[in-house]
Amino acid sequence: NVIPGEVSLSLDVRGPLDNPLETLLSSLLTQAEAIALRRGLR
């Protein structure tokens, strides 16, 4: 009966080439920040 105030989660990203891996990770983190901003979270 309580709205969740904090969620901790892990992220594991893997790939055979480092550059595409970094590009994917960057896009995932950018989207997380955008979701948080839109919802008024950190």
Full PDB file with SEQRES, HELIX, SHEET, SSBOND, CRYST1, ORIGX, SCALE, CONECT and MASTER records, all heavy atoms in Angstrom:
SEQRES   1 A   42  ASN VAL ILE PRO GLY GLU VAL SER LEU SER LEU ASP VAL          
SEQRES   2 A   42  ARG GLY PRO LEU ASP ASN PRO LEU GLU THR LEU LEU SER          
SEQRES   3 A   42  SER LEU LEU THR GLN ALA GLU ALA ILE ALA LEU ARG ARG          
SEQRES   4 A   42  GLY LEU ARG                                                  
HELIX    1 AA1 ASP A   18  ARG A   39  1                                  22    
CRYST1    1.000    1.000    1.000  90.00  90.00  90.00 P 1           1          
ORIGX1      1.000000  0.000000  0.000000        0.00000                         
ORIGX2      0.000000  1.000000  0.000000        0.00000                         
ORIGX3      0.000000  0.000000  1.000000        0.00000                         
SCALE1      1.000000  0.000000  0.000000        0.00000                         
SCALE2      0.000000  1.000000  0.000000        0.00000                         
SCALE3      0.000000  0.000000  1.000000        0.00000                         
ATOM      1  N   ASN A   1       0.807  -1.216   0.000  1.00  0.00           N  
ATOM      2  CA  ASN A   1       0.000   0.000   0.000  1.00  0.00           C  
ATOM      3  C   ASN A   1       0.846   1.275   0.000  1.00  0.00           C  
ATOM      4  O   ASN A   1       0.387   2.334   0.431  1.00  0.00           O  
ATOM      5  CB  ASN A   1      -0.953   0.003   1.195  1.00  0.00           C  
ATOM      6  CG  ASN A   1      -0.219  -0.081   2.527  1.00  0.00           C  
ATOM      7  OD1 ASN A   1       0.975  -0.397   2.564  1.00  0.00           O  
ATOM      8  ND2 ASN A   1      -0.940   0.196   3.609  1.00  0.00           N  
ATOM      9  N   VAL A   2       2.093   1.173  -0.473  1.00  0.00           N  
ATOM     10  CA  VAL A   2       2.983   2.333  -0.533  1.00  0.00           C  
ATOM     11  C   VAL A   2       3.566   2.464  -1.937  1.00  0.00           C  
ATOM     12  O   VAL A   2       4.069   1.488  -2.508  1.00  0.00           O  
ATOM     13  CB  VAL A   2       4.127   2.217   0.502  1.00  0.00           C  
ATOM     14  CG1 VAL A   2       5.042   3.438   0.428  1.00  0.00           C  
ATOM     15  CG2 VAL A   2       3.565   2.064   1.915  1.00  0.00           C  
ATOM     16  N   ILE A   3       3.509   3.673  -2.490  1.00  0.00           N  
ATOM     17  CA  ILE A   3       4.134   3.955  -3.785  1.00  0.00           C  
ATOM     18  C   ILE A   3       5.655   3.807  -3.639  1.00  0.00           C  
ATOM     19  O   ILE A   3       6.240   4.383  -2.716  1.00  0.00           O  
ATOM     20  CB  ILE A   3       3.787   5.386  -4.242  1.00  0.00           C  
ATOM     21  CG1 ILE A   3       2.272   5.547  -4.420  1.00  0.00           C  
ATOM     22  CG2 ILE A   3       4.523   5.727  -5.552  1.00  0.00           C  
ATOM     23  CD1 ILE A   3       1.822   7.002  -4.471  1.00  0.00           C  
ATOM     24  N   PRO A   4       6.290   3.045  -4.500  1.00  0.00           N  
ATOM     25  CA  PRO A   4       7.742   2.863  -4.373  1.00  0.00           C  
ATOM     26  C   PRO A   4       8.506   4.188  -4.490  1.00  0.00           C  
ATOM     27  O   PRO A   4       8.326   4.936  -5.461  1.00  0.00           O  
ATOM     28  CB  PRO A   4       8.090   1.930  -5.525  1.00  0.00           C  
ATOM     29  CG  PRO A   4       6.807   1.206  -5.820  1.00  0.00           C  
ATOM     30  CD  PRO A   4       5.725   2.212  -5.583  1.00  0.00           C  
ATOM     31  N   GLY A   5       9.353   4.449  -3.494  1.00  0.00           N  
ATOM     32  CA  GLY A   5      10.129   5.685  -3.497  1.00  0.00           C  
ATOM     33  C   GLY A   5      11.533   5.525  -4.042  1.00  0.00           C  
ATOM     34  O   GLY A   5      12.154   6.500  -4.486  1.00  0.00           O  
ATOM     35  N   GLU A   6      12.031   4.304  -4.013  1.00  0.00           N  
ATOM     36  CA  GLU A   6      13.391   4.084  -4.505  1.00  0.00           C  
ATOM     37  C   GLU A   6      13.509   2.680  -5.084  1.00  0.00           C  
ATOM     38  O   GLU A   6      13.036   1.715  -4.475  1.00  0.00           O  
ATOM     39  CB  GLU A   6      14.407   4.264  -3.374  1.00  0.00           C  
ATOM     40  CG  GLU A   6      15.855   4.089  -3.814  1.00  0.00           C  
ATOM     41  CD  GLU A   6      16.833   4.313  -2.672  1.00  0.00           C  
ATOM     42  OE1 GLU A   6      17.043   5.478  -2.292  1.00  0.00           O  
ATOM     43  OE2 GLU A   6      17.369   3.303  -2.161  1.00  0.00           O  
ATOM     44  N   VAL A   7      14.129   2.585  -6.230  1.00  0.00           N  
ATOM     45  CA  VAL A   7      14.384   1.291  -6.859  1.00  0.00           C  
ATOM     46  C   VAL A   7      15.853   1.212  -7.268  1.00  0.00           C  
ATOM     47  O   VAL A   7      16.353   2.091  -7.979  1.00  0.00           O  
ATOM     48  CB  VAL A   7      13.478   1.056  -8.086  1.00  0.00           C  
ATOM     49  CG1 VAL A   7      13.929  -0.181  -8.858  1.00  0.00           C  
ATOM     50  CG2 VAL A   7      12.031   0.895  -7.649  1.00  0.00           C  
ATOM     51  N   SER A   8      16.523   0.177  -6.794  1.00  0.00           N  
ATOM     52  CA  SER A   8      17.902  -0.097  -7.184  1.00  0.00           C  
ATOM     53  C   SER A   8      17.897  -1.304  -8.119  1.00  0.00           C  
ATOM     54  O   SER A   8      17.202  -2.293  -7.859  1.00  0.00           O  
ATOM     55  CB  SER A   8      18.764  -0.395  -5.959  1.00  0.00           C  
ATOM     56  OG  SER A   8      18.758   0.695  -5.061  1.00  0.00           O  
ATOM     57  N   LEU A   9      18.674  -1.228  -9.193  1.00  0.00           N  
ATOM     58  CA  LEU A   9      18.717  -2.333 -10.142  1.00  0.00           C  
ATOM     59  C   LEU A   9      20.096  -2.398 -10.794  1.00  0.00           C  
ATOM     60  O   LEU A   9      20.837  -1.414 -10.821  1.00  0.00           O  
ATOM     61  CB  LEU A   9      17.619  -2.213 -11.193  1.00  0.00           C  
ATOM     62  CG  LEU A   9      17.607  -1.035 -12.163  1.00  0.00           C  
ATOM     63  CD1 LEU A   9      16.645  -1.341 -13.321  1.00  0.00           C  
ATOM     64  CD2 LEU A   9      17.172   0.267 -11.511  1.00  0.00           C  
ATOM     65  N   SER A  10      20.421  -3.584 -11.258  1.00  0.00           N  
ATOM     66  CA  SER A  10      21.707  -3.791 -11.920  1.00  0.00           C  
ATOM     67  C   SER A  10      21.523  -3.750 -13.425  1.00  0.00           C  
ATOM     68  O   SER A  10      20.432  -3.994 -13.950  1.00  0.00           O  
ATOM     69  CB  SER A  10      22.301  -5.144 -11.519  1.00  0.00           C  
ATOM     70  OG  SER A  10      21.456  -6.203 -11.968  1.00  0.00           O  
ATOM     71  N   LEU A  11      22.610  -3.428 -14.128  1.00  0.00           N  
ATOM     72  CA  LEU A  11      22.608  -3.476 -15.585  1.00  0.00           C  
ATOM     73  C   LEU A  11      23.903  -4.137 -16.037  1.00  0.00           C  
ATOM     74  O   LEU A  11      24.999  -3.740 -15.624  1.00  0.00           O  
ATOM     75  CB  LEU A  11      22.498  -2.071 -16.182  1.00  0.00           C  
ATOM     76  CG  LEU A  11      22.592  -1.984 -17.718  1.00  0.00           C  
ATOM     77  CD1 LEU A  11      21.436  -2.714 -18.384  1.00  0.00           C  
ATOM     78  CD2 LEU A  11      22.642  -0.527 -18.172  1.00  0.00           C  
ATOM     79  N   ASP A  12      23.778  -5.154 -16.876  1.00  0.00           N  
ATOM     80  CA  ASP A  12      24.916  -5.870 -17.459  1.00  0.00           C  
ATOM     81  C   ASP A  12      24.779  -5.775 -18.976  1.00  0.00           C  
ATOM     82  O   ASP A  12      23.780  -6.218 -19.542  1.00  0.00           O  
ATOM     83  CB  ASP A  12      24.885  -7.333 -16.989  1.00  0.00           C  
ATOM     84  CG  ASP A  12      26.022  -8.175 -17.540  1.00  0.00           C  
ATOM     85  OD1 ASP A  12      26.174  -8.256 -18.766  1.00  0.00           O  
ATOM     86  OD2 ASP A  12      26.747  -8.777 -16.738  1.00  0.00           O  
ATOM     87  N   VAL A  13      25.768  -5.164 -19.628  1.00  0.00           N  
ATOM     88  CA  VAL A  13      25.746  -4.980 -21.081  1.00  0.00           C  
ATOM     89  C   VAL A  13      26.995  -5.625 -21.661  1.00  0.00           C  
ATOM     90  O   VAL A  13      28.102  -5.398 -21.168  1.00  0.00           O  
ATOM     91  CB  VAL A  13      25.711  -3.485 -21.451  1.00  0.00           C  
ATOM     92  CG1 VAL A  13      25.538  -3.312 -22.951  1.00  0.00           C  
ATOM     93  CG2 VAL A  13      24.590  -2.772 -20.717  1.00  0.00           C  
ATOM     94  N   ARG A  14      26.831  -6.437 -22.725  1.00  0.00           N  
ATOM     95  CA  ARG A  14      27.963  -7.160 -23.301  1.00  0.00           C  
ATOM     96  C   ARG A  14      27.910  -7.132 -24.822  1.00  0.00           C  
ATOM     97  O   ARG A  14      26.832  -7.068 -25.413  1.00  0.00           O  
ATOM     98  CB  ARG A  14      27.975  -8.625 -22.838  1.00  0.00           C  
ATOM     99  CG  ARG A  14      27.948  -8.813 -21.345  1.00  0.00           C  
ATOM    100  CD  ARG A  14      28.166 -10.252 -20.960  1.00  0.00           C  
ATOM    101  NE  ARG A  14      27.873 -10.470 -19.547  1.00  0.00           N  
ATOM    102  CZ  ARG A  14      28.348 -11.475 -18.831  1.00  0.00           C  
ATOM    103  NH1 ARG A  14      29.155 -12.357 -19.391  1.00  0.00           N  
ATOM    104  NH2 ARG A  14      28.022 -11.608 -17.565  1.00  0.00           N  
ATOM    105  N   GLY A  15      29.095  -7.230 -25.422  1.00  0.00           N  
ATOM    106  CA  GLY A  15      29.188  -7.291 -26.874  1.00  0.00           C  
ATOM    107  C   GLY A  15      30.607  -7.572 -27.321  1.00  0.00           C  
ATOM    108  O   GLY A  15      31.563  -7.355 -26.568  1.00  0.00           O  
ATOM    109  N   PRO A  16      30.773  -8.039 -28.577  1.00  0.00           N  
ATOM    110  CA  PRO A  16      32.095  -8.449 -29.063  1.00  0.00           C  
ATOM    111  C   PRO A  16      32.976  -7.301 -29.548  1.00  0.00           C  
ATOM    112  O   PRO A  16      34.153  -7.519 -29.842  1.00  0.00           O  
ATOM    113  CB  PRO A  16      31.753  -9.396 -30.217  1.00  0.00           C  
ATOM    114  CG  PRO A  16      30.433  -8.906 -30.717  1.00  0.00           C  
ATOM    115  CD  PRO A  16      29.701  -8.402 -29.514  1.00  0.00           C  
ATOM    116  N   LEU A  17      32.421  -6.084 -29.660  1.00  0.00           N  
ATOM    117  CA  LEU A  17      33.196  -4.911 -30.058  1.00  0.00           C  
ATOM    118  C   LEU A  17      32.929  -3.787 -29.076  1.00  0.00           C  
ATOM    119  O   LEU A  17      31.772  -3.520 -28.712  1.00  0.00           O  
ATOM    120  CB  LEU A  17      32.819  -4.465 -31.474  1.00  0.00           C  
ATOM    121  CG  LEU A  17      33.148  -5.431 -32.619  1.00  0.00           C  
ATOM    122  CD1 LEU A  17      32.508  -4.965 -33.918  1.00  0.00           C  
ATOM    123  CD2 LEU A  17      34.656  -5.571 -32.786  1.00  0.00           C  
ATOM    124  N   ASP A  18      33.998  -3.105 -28.657  1.00  0.00           N  
ATOM    125  CA  ASP A  18      33.846  -2.113 -27.599  1.00  0.00           C  
ATOM    126  C   ASP A  18      33.065  -0.876 -28.021  1.00  0.00           C  
ATOM    127  O   ASP A  18      32.259  -0.350 -27.246  1.00  0.00           O  
ATOM    128  CB  ASP A  18      35.220  -1.703 -27.059  1.00  0.00           C  
ATOM    129  CG  ASP A  18      35.832  -2.771 -26.175  1.00  0.00           C  
ATOM    130  OD1 ASP A  18      35.075  -3.416 -25.424  1.00  0.00           O  
ATOM    131  OD2 ASP A  18      37.057  -2.975 -26.237  1.00  0.00           O  
ATOM    132  N   ASN A  19      33.266  -0.381 -29.242  1.00  0.00           N  
ATOM    133  CA  ASN A  19      32.595   0.861 -29.644  1.00  0.00           C  
ATOM    134  C   ASN A  19      31.075   0.729 -29.695  1.00  0.00           C  
ATOM    135  O   ASN A  19      30.356   1.572 -29.128  1.00  0.00           O  
ATOM    136  CB  ASN A  19      33.147   1.349 -30.984  1.00  0.00           C  
ATOM    137  CG  ASN A  19      34.537   1.951 -30.849  1.00  0.00           C  
ATOM    138  OD1 ASN A  19      34.963   2.309 -29.756  1.00  0.00           O  
ATOM    139  ND2 ASN A  19      35.253   2.069 -31.961  1.00  0.00           N  
ATOM    140  N   PRO A  20      30.522  -0.302 -30.363  1.00  0.00           N  
ATOM    141  CA  PRO A  20      29.061  -0.456 -30.325  1.00  0.00           C  
ATOM    142  C   PRO A  20      28.535  -0.675 -28.902  1.00  0.00           C  
ATOM    143  O   PRO A  20      27.429  -0.242 -28.576  1.00  0.00           O  
ATOM    144  CB  PRO A  20      28.808  -1.690 -31.201  1.00  0.00           C  
ATOM    145  CG  PRO A  20      30.008  -1.799 -32.071  1.00  0.00           C  
ATOM    146  CD  PRO A  20      31.149  -1.293 -31.254  1.00  0.00           C  
ATOM    147  N   LEU A  21      29.339  -1.339 -28.073  1.00  0.00           N  
ATOM    148  CA  LEU A  21      28.939  -1.567 -26.683  1.00  0.00           C  
ATOM    149  C   LEU A  21      28.813  -0.242 -25.940  1.00  0.00           C  
ATOM    150  O   LEU A  21      27.837  -0.002 -25.218  1.00  0.00           O  
ATOM    151  CB  LEU A  21      29.968  -2.474 -26.012  1.00  0.00           C  
ATOM    152  CG  LEU A  21      29.708  -2.947 -24.589  1.00  0.00           C  
ATOM    153  CD1 LEU A  21      28.390  -3.703 -24.499  1.00  0.00           C  
ATOM    154  CD2 LEU A  21      30.853  -3.828 -24.115  1.00  0.00           C  
ATOM    155  N   GLU A  22      29.793   0.640 -26.131  1.00  0.00           N  
ATOM    156  CA  GLU A  22      29.759   1.944 -25.477  1.00  0.00           C  
ATOM    157  C   GLU A  22      28.593   2.787 -25.991  1.00  0.00           C  
ATOM    158  O   GLU A  22      27.942   3.502 -25.226  1.00  0.00           O  
ATOM    159  CB  GLU A  22      31.076   2.689 -25.710  1.00  0.00           C  
ATOM    160  CG  GLU A  22      32.255   2.121 -24.959  1.00  0.00           C  
ATOM    161  CD  GLU A  22      32.113   2.256 -23.452  1.00  0.00           C  
ATOM    162  OE1 GLU A  22      31.319   3.091 -22.980  1.00  0.00           O  
ATOM    163  OE2 GLU A  22      32.779   1.497 -22.737  1.00  0.00           O  
ATOM    164  N   THR A  23      28.328   2.698 -27.294  1.00  0.00           N  
ATOM    165  CA  THR A  23      27.215   3.455 -27.874  1.00  0.00           C  
ATOM    166  C   THR A  23      25.884   3.006 -27.284  1.00  0.00           C  
ATOM    167  O   THR A  23      25.031   3.835 -26.931  1.00  0.00           O  
ATOM    168  CB  THR A  23      27.200   3.278 -29.403  1.00  0.00           C  
ATOM    169  OG1 THR A  23      28.437   3.765 -29.943  1.00  0.00           O  
ATOM    170  CG2 THR A  23      26.046   4.039 -30.037  1.00  0.00           C  
ATOM    171  N   LEU A  24      25.696   1.682 -27.180  1.00  0.00           N  
ATOM    172  CA  LEU A  24      24.473   1.159 -26.587  1.00  0.00           C  
ATOM    173  C   LEU A  24      24.329   1.602 -25.143  1.00  0.00           C  
ATOM    174  O   LEU A  24      23.267   2.099 -24.730  1.00  0.00           O  
ATOM    175  CB  LEU A  24      24.451  -0.368 -26.659  1.00  0.00           C  
ATOM    176  CG  LEU A  24      23.288  -1.056 -25.933  1.00  0.00           C  
ATOM    177  CD1 LEU A  24      21.947  -0.659 -26.529  1.00  0.00           C  
ATOM    178  CD2 LEU A  24      23.457  -2.565 -25.927  1.00  0.00           C  
ATOM    179  N   LEU A  25      25.394   1.441 -24.355  1.00  0.00           N  
ATOM    180  CA  LEU A  25      25.327   1.808 -22.944  1.00  0.00           C  
ATOM    181  C   LEU A  25      24.996   3.286 -22.778  1.00  0.00           C  
ATOM    182  O   LEU A  25      24.163   3.659 -21.945  1.00  0.00           O  
ATOM    183  CB  LEU A  25      26.656   1.480 -22.257  1.00  0.00           C  
ATOM    184  CG  LEU A  25      26.749   1.849 -20.771  1.00  0.00           C  
ATOM    185  CD1 LEU A  25      25.659   1.157 -19.968  1.00  0.00           C  
ATOM    186  CD2 LEU A  25      28.132   1.486 -20.231  1.00  0.00           C  
ATOM    187  N   SER A  26      25.619   4.125 -23.584  1.00  0.00           N  
ATOM    188  CA  SER A  26      25.351   5.563 -23.502  1.00  0.00           C  
ATOM    189  C   SER A  26      23.892   5.872 -23.794  1.00  0.00           C  
ATOM    190  O   SER A  26      23.257   6.683 -23.093  1.00  0.00           O  
ATOM    191  CB  SER A  26      26.258   6.305 -24.486  1.00  0.00           C  
ATOM    192  OG  SER A  26      25.980   7.686 -24.469  1.00  0.00           O  
ATOM    193  N   SER A  27      23.327   5.213 -24.797  1.00  0.00           N  
ATOM    194  CA  SER A  27      21.922   5.464 -25.143  1.00  0.00           C  
ATOM    195  C   SER A  27      20.981   4.981 -24.043  1.00  0.00           C  
ATOM    196  O   SER A  27      19.955   5.628 -23.762  1.00  0.00           O  
ATOM    197  CB  SER A  27      21.575   4.791 -26.473  1.00  0.00           C  
ATOM    198  OG  SER A  27      21.532   3.383 -26.349  1.00  0.00           O  
ATOM    199  N   LEU A  28      21.327   3.862 -23.393  1.00  0.00           N  
ATOM    200  CA  LEU A  28      20.481   3.354 -22.307  1.00  0.00           C  
ATOM    201  C   LEU A  28      20.491   4.306 -21.115  1.00  0.00           C  
ATOM    202  O   LEU A  28      19.437   4.583 -20.514  1.00  0.00           O  
ATOM    203  CB  LEU A  28      20.951   1.967 -21.877  1.00  0.00           C  
ATOM    204  CG  LEU A  28      20.885   0.847 -22.928  1.00  0.00           C  
ATOM    205  CD1 LEU A  28      21.336  -0.475 -22.325  1.00  0.00           C  
ATOM    206  CD2 LEU A  28      19.489   0.730 -23.517  1.00  0.00           C  
ATOM    207  N   LEU A  29      21.656   4.818 -20.777  1.00  0.00           N  
ATOM    208  CA  LEU A  29      21.756   5.730 -19.632  1.00  0.00           C  
ATOM    209  C   LEU A  29      21.101   7.073 -19.939  1.00  0.00           C  
ATOM    210  O   LEU A  29      20.466   7.682 -19.056  1.00  0.00           O  
ATOM    211  CB  LEU A  29      23.223   5.926 -19.245  1.00  0.00           C  
ATOM    212  CG  LEU A  29      23.941   4.675 -18.725  1.00  0.00           C  
ATOM    213  CD1 LEU A  29      25.404   4.981 -18.432  1.00  0.00           C  
ATOM    214  CD2 LEU A  29      23.254   4.115 -17.479  1.00  0.00           C  
ATOM    215  N   THR A  30      21.237   7.532 -21.166  1.00  0.00           N  
ATOM    216  CA  THR A  30      20.572   8.786 -21.563  1.00  0.00           C  
ATOM    217  C   THR A  30      19.061   8.653 -21.435  1.00  0.00           C  
ATOM    218  O   THR A  30      18.371   9.570 -20.955  1.00  0.00           O  
ATOM    219  CB  THR A  30      20.958   9.157 -23.008  1.00  0.00           C  
ATOM    220  OG1 THR A  30      22.375   9.372 -23.070  1.00  0.00           O  
ATOM    221  CG2 THR A  30      20.233  10.411 -23.469  1.00  0.00           C  
ATOM    222  N   GLN A  31      18.532   7.500 -21.851  1.00  0.00           N  
ATOM    223  CA  GLN A  31      17.093   7.272 -21.758  1.00  0.00           C  
ATOM    224  C   GLN A  31      16.644   7.187 -20.299  1.00  0.00           C  
ATOM    225  O   GLN A  31      15.564   7.694 -19.943  1.00  0.00           O  
ATOM    226  CB  GLN A  31      16.714   5.994 -22.502  1.00  0.00           C  
ATOM    227  CG  GLN A  31      15.224   5.685 -22.513  1.00  0.00           C  
ATOM    228  CD  GLN A  31      14.405   6.714 -23.271  1.00  0.00           C  
ATOM    229  OE1 GLN A  31      14.953   7.522 -24.025  1.00  0.00           O  
ATOM    230  NE2 GLN A  31      13.090   6.706 -23.073  1.00  0.00           N  
ATOM    231  N   ALA A  32      17.436   6.588 -19.448  1.00  0.00           N  
ATOM    232  CA  ALA A  32      17.092   6.510 -18.027  1.00  0.00           C  
ATOM    233  C   ALA A  32      16.975   7.906 -17.424  1.00  0.00           C  
ATOM    234  O   ALA A  32      16.043   8.201 -16.649  1.00  0.00           O  
ATOM    235  CB  ALA A  32      18.142   5.694 -17.277  1.00  0.00           C  
ATOM    236  N   GLU A  33      17.911   8.774 -17.788  1.00  0.00           N  
ATOM    237  CA  GLU A  33      17.869  10.151 -17.278  1.00  0.00           C  
ATOM    238  C   GLU A  33      16.648  10.895 -17.811  1.00  0.00           C  
ATOM    239  O   GLU A  33      16.018  11.680 -17.088  1.00  0.00           O  
ATOM    240  CB  GLU A  33      19.163  10.877 -17.662  1.00  0.00           C  
ATOM    241  CG  GLU A  33      20.383  10.350 -16.904  1.00  0.00           C  
ATOM    242  CD  GLU A  33      21.702  10.793 -17.509  1.00  0.00           C  
ATOM    243  OE1 GLU A  33      21.668  11.487 -18.559  1.00  0.00           O  
ATOM    244  OE2 GLU A  33      22.755  10.439 -16.943  1.00  0.00           O  
ATOM    245  N   ALA A  34      16.302  10.634 -19.079  1.00  0.00           N  
ATOM    246  CA  ALA A  34      15.122  11.287 -19.662  1.00  0.00           C  
ATOM    247  C   ALA A  34      13.841  10.817 -18.979  1.00  0.00           C  
ATOM    248  O   ALA A  34      12.928  11.625 -18.712  1.00  0.00           O  
ATOM    249  CB  ALA A  34      15.070  10.993 -21.165  1.00  0.00           C  
ATOM    250  N   ILE A  35      13.745   9.535 -18.697  1.00  0.00           N  
ATOM    251  CA  ILE A  35      12.579   8.999 -17.987  1.00  0.00           C  
ATOM    252  C   ILE A  35      12.467   9.632 -16.605  1.00  0.00           C  
ATOM    253  O   ILE A  35      11.374  10.046 -16.178  1.00  0.00           O  
ATOM    254  CB  ILE A  35      12.676   7.461 -17.890  1.00  0.00           C  
ATOM    255  CG1 ILE A  35      12.510   6.816 -19.270  1.00  0.00           C  
ATOM    256  CG2 ILE A  35      11.638   6.906 -16.901  1.00  0.00           C  
ATOM    257  CD1 ILE A  35      12.850   5.332 -19.304  1.00  0.00           C  
ATOM    258  N   ALA A  36      13.585   9.698 -15.907  1.00  0.00           N  
ATOM    259  CA  ALA A  36      13.584  10.282 -14.564  1.00  0.00           C  
ATOM    260  C   ALA A  36      13.171  11.746 -14.612  1.00  0.00           C  
ATOM    261  O   ALA A  36      12.352  12.206 -13.786  1.00  0.00           O  
ATOM    262  CB  ALA A  36      14.968  10.135 -13.938  1.00  0.00           C  
ATOM    263  N   LEU A  37      13.691  12.507 -15.563  1.00  0.00           N  
ATOM    264  CA  LEU A  37      13.358  13.931 -15.676  1.00  0.00           C  
ATOM    265  C   LEU A  37      11.875  14.131 -15.956  1.00  0.00           C  
ATOM    266  O   LEU A  37      11.210  14.974 -15.327  1.00  0.00           O  
ATOM    267  CB  LEU A  37      14.201  14.557 -16.791  1.00  0.00           C  
ATOM    268  CG  LEU A  37      14.007  16.062 -17.029  1.00  0.00           C  
ATOM    269  CD1 LEU A  37      14.448  16.860 -15.803  1.00  0.00           C  
ATOM    270  CD2 LEU A  37      14.791  16.512 -18.265  1.00  0.00           C  
ATOM    271  N   ARG A  38      11.333  13.359 -16.873  1.00  0.00           N  
ATOM    272  CA  ARG A  38       9.921  13.490 -17.230  1.00  0.00           C  
ATOM    273  C   ARG A  38       9.002  13.147 -16.067  1.00  0.00           C  
ATOM    274  O   ARG A  38       7.936  13.721 -15.905  1.00  0.00           O  
ATOM    275  CB  ARG A  38       9.627  12.594 -18.442  1.00  0.00           C  
ATOM    276  CG  ARG A  38       8.161  12.501 -18.830  1.00  0.00           C  
ATOM    277  CD  ARG A  38       7.962  11.905 -20.220  1.00  0.00           C  
ATOM    278  NE  ARG A  38       8.834  10.801 -20.532  1.00  0.00           N  
ATOM    279  CZ  ARG A  38       8.632   9.543 -20.145  1.00  0.00           C  
ATOM    280  NH1 ARG A  38       7.585   9.246 -19.381  1.00  0.00           N  
ATOM    281  NH2 ARG A  38       9.472   8.585 -20.506  1.00  0.00           N  
ATOM    282  N   ARG A  39       9.436  12.214 -15.237  1.00  0.00           N  
ATOM    283  CA  ARG A  39       8.604  11.764 -14.118  1.00  0.00           C  
ATOM    284  C   ARG A  39       8.910  12.513 -12.806  1.00  0.00           C  
ATOM    285  O   ARG A  39       8.304  12.225 -11.781  1.00  0.00           O  
ATOM    286  CB  ARG A  39       8.805  10.261 -13.895  1.00  0.00           C  
ATOM    287  CG  ARG A  39       8.214   9.374 -14.985  1.00  0.00           C  
ATOM    288  CD  ARG A  39       8.564   7.922 -14.754  1.00  0.00           C  
ATOM    289  NE  ARG A  39       7.876   7.015 -15.664  1.00  0.00           N  
ATOM    290  CZ  ARG A  39       6.686   6.458 -15.439  1.00  0.00           C  
ATOM    291  NH1 ARG A  39       6.039   6.735 -14.301  1.00  0.00           N  
ATOM    292  NH2 ARG A  39       6.133   5.646 -16.313  1.00  0.00           N  
ATOM    293  N   GLY A  40       9.858  13.428 -12.856  1.00  0.00           N  
ATOM    294  CA  GLY A  40      10.197  14.176 -11.648  1.00  0.00           C  
ATOM    295  C   GLY A  40      11.004  13.374 -10.642  1.00  0.00           C  
ATOM    296  O   GLY A  40      10.911  13.600  -9.422  1.00  0.00           O  
ATOM    297  N   LEU A  41      11.813  12.441 -11.124  1.00  0.00           N  
ATOM    298  CA  LEU A  41      12.643  11.589 -10.273  1.00  0.00           C  
ATOM    299  C   LEU A  41      14.125  11.925 -10.487  1.00  0.00           C  
ATOM    300  O   LEU A  41      14.486  12.745 -11.333  1.00  0.00           O  
ATOM    301  CB  LEU A  41      12.408  10.113 -10.594  1.00  0.00           C  
ATOM    302  CG  LEU A  41      11.128   9.435 -10.097  1.00  0.00           C  
ATOM    303  CD1 LEU A  41       9.911   9.887 -10.867  1.00  0.00           C  
ATOM    304  CD2 LEU A  41      11.272   7.914 -10.233  1.00  0.00           C  
ATOM    305  N   ARG A  42      14.962  11.246  -9.752  1.00  0.00           N  
ATOM    306  CA  ARG A  42      16.407  11.362  -9.929  1.00  0.00           C  
ATOM    307  C   ARG A  42      16.957   9.995 -10.328  1.00  0.00           C  
ATOM    308  O   ARG A  42      16.553   8.969  -9.773  1.00  0.00           O  
ATOM    309  CB  ARG A  42      17.061  11.840  -8.632  1.00  0.00           C  
ATOM    310  CG  ARG A  42      18.560  12.147  -8.780  1.00  0.00           C  
ATOM    311  CD  ARG A  42      19.143  12.810  -7.546  1.00  0.00           C  
ATOM    312  NE  ARG A  42      19.302  11.887  -6.422  1.00  0.00           N  
ATOM    313  CZ  ARG A  42      18.523  11.868  -5.346  1.00  0.00           C  
ATOM    314  NH1 ARG A  42      17.521  12.736  -5.230  1.00  0.00           N  
ATOM    315  NH2 ARG A  42      18.741  11.001  -4.375  1.00  0.00           N  
TER     316      ARG A  42                                                      
MASTER        0    0    0    1    0    0    0    6  315    1    0    4          
END                                                                             
